[in-house]
Amino acid sequence: MSVPNDDGDDATGAERQRRLDGPRIVLTLYVLLTGVGFAAGVLVATFVDGLSAPALYGVIELPATALGFSVYGGVTIATVLGVPLALVIYVSRRIDDPDAVE
């Protein structure tokens, strides 16, 4: 049985649930927060005077422009959030659930 949704098309409860599942929400938040990092870099470069050039990971010199700061902000946020998230995904897929039903 299908239920009409707000868009006018039919979607079962399982299809609607897949649209709102946990991994999709986490990925959406990750992308949005990385975008905020890019935007923050542009805003910093635009409104703060006398900035020195950022060094991505302390090694890669970037220009002291809006583009350089946006790359620095976005990549830094993506790394700071992405590495722990990748570790959580790795461990959660390989850990045995002692309460699992066989």
Protein backbone atom coordinates (compact mmCIF):
# COMPACT_ATOMS: atom_id res chain seq x y z
CA MET A 1 0.00 0.00 0.00
CA SER A 2 1.35 3.43 -0.85
CA VAL A 3 0.67 6.73 0.79
CA PRO A 4 0.75 10.03 -1.10
CA ASN A 5 3.35 12.44 0.22
CA ASP A 6 3.55 16.24 0.03
CA ASP A 7 5.06 16.11 -3.47
CA GLY A 8 2.02 14.33 -4.86
CA ASP A 9 3.81 11.07 -5.61
CA ASP A 10 3.22 7.82 -3.77
CA ALA A 11 5.79 6.64 -1.25
CA THR A 12 5.65 3.73 1.11
CA GLY A 13 6.61 4.14 4.74
CA ALA A 14 9.90 2.35 4.12
CA GLU A 15 10.77 4.73 1.28
CA ARG A 16 10.02 7.74 3.46
CA GLN A 17 12.08 6.21 6.26
CA ARG A 18 15.06 5.75 3.91
CA ARG A 19 14.95 9.45 3.11
CA LEU A 20 15.40 10.25 6.80
CA ASP A 21 17.79 7.52 7.88
CA GLY A 22 20.72 8.21 10.19
CA PRO A 23 23.64 7.94 7.75
CA ARG A 24 21.97 10.33 5.32
CA ILE A 25 21.39 12.89 8.08
CA VAL A 26 25.00 12.59 9.28
CA LEU A 27 26.33 13.01 5.73
CA THR A 28 24.08 16.03 5.17
CA LEU A 29 25.29 17.64 8.40
CA TYR A 30 28.91 16.90 7.44
CA VAL A 31 28.48 18.60 4.06
CA LEU A 32 26.65 21.57 5.58
CA LEU A 33 29.29 22.09 8.28
CA THR A 34 32.08 21.84 5.72
CA GLY A 35 30.26 24.50 3.69
CA VAL A 36 30.14 26.67 6.81
CA GLY A 37 33.93 26.28 7.06
CA PHE A 38 34.35 27.47 3.48
CA ALA A 39 32.01 30.42 4.10
CA ALA A 40 33.77 31.33 7.35
CA GLY A 41 37.09 31.42 5.54
CA VAL A 42 35.70 33.86 2.98
CA LEU A 43 34.20 36.05 5.70
CA VAL A 44 37.43 36.14 7.70
CA ALA A 45 39.45 37.12 4.64
CA THR A 46 36.89 39.74 3.69
CA PHE A 47 36.46 41.51 7.02
CA VAL A 48 39.79 41.08 8.85
CA ASP A 49 42.76 43.17 7.76
CA GLY A 50 46.44 42.26 8.00
CA LEU A 51 46.12 38.49 7.88
CA SER A 52 49.12 36.30 7.15
CA ALA A 53 48.88 33.44 4.69
CA PRO A 54 47.35 30.27 6.15
CA ALA A 55 49.27 27.00 6.02
CA LEU A 56 47.06 23.99 5.44
CA TYR A 57 48.14 21.18 7.80
CA GLY A 58 51.06 23.45 8.72
CA VAL A 59 52.81 22.52 5.45
CA ILE A 60 50.89 23.72 2.39
CA GLU A 61 51.08 27.49 2.04
CA LEU A 62 47.88 29.08 0.77
CA PRO A 63 47.50 32.66 -0.48
CA ALA A 64 46.14 35.25 1.94
CA THR A 65 43.06 35.76 -0.21
CA ALA A 66 39.40 34.87 0.21
CA LEU A 67 39.97 31.71 -1.84
CA GLY A 68 42.96 30.66 0.27
CA PHE A 69 41.11 31.18 3.54
CA SER A 70 37.97 29.43 2.26
CA VAL A 71 40.02 26.38 1.25
CA TYR A 72 41.77 26.45 4.62
CA GLY A 73 38.49 26.69 6.55
CA GLY A 74 36.63 24.09 4.54
CA VAL A 75 39.41 21.51 4.40
CA THR A 76 40.21 21.96 8.09
CA ILE A 77 36.58 21.42 9.13
CA ALA A 78 36.24 18.49 6.71
CA THR A 79 39.33 16.87 8.24
CA VAL A 80 38.45 17.58 11.87
CA LEU A 81 34.96 16.11 11.41
CA GLY A 82 35.77 13.51 8.76
CA VAL A 83 38.56 11.58 10.45
CA PRO A 84 36.59 10.75 13.63
CA LEU A 85 33.49 10.06 11.54
CA ALA A 86 35.43 7.63 9.35
CA LEU A 87 36.77 5.88 12.45
CA VAL A 88 33.27 5.52 13.88
CA ILE A 89 32.03 4.05 10.60
CA TYR A 90 34.98 1.66 10.45
CA VAL A 91 34.51 0.41 14.02
CA SER A 92 30.71 0.19 13.80
CA ARG A 93 30.89 -2.02 10.72
CA ARG A 94 33.40 -4.40 12.27
CA ILE A 95 32.24 -4.72 15.87
CA ASP A 96 30.24 -7.76 16.86
CA ASP A 97 26.92 -7.15 18.53
CA PRO A 98 26.64 -9.48 21.54
CA ASP A 99 22.86 -8.97 21.64
CA ALA A 100 22.31 -9.80 17.97
CA VAL A 101 19.70 -12.43 17.21
CA GLU A 102 20.90 -15.25 14.99
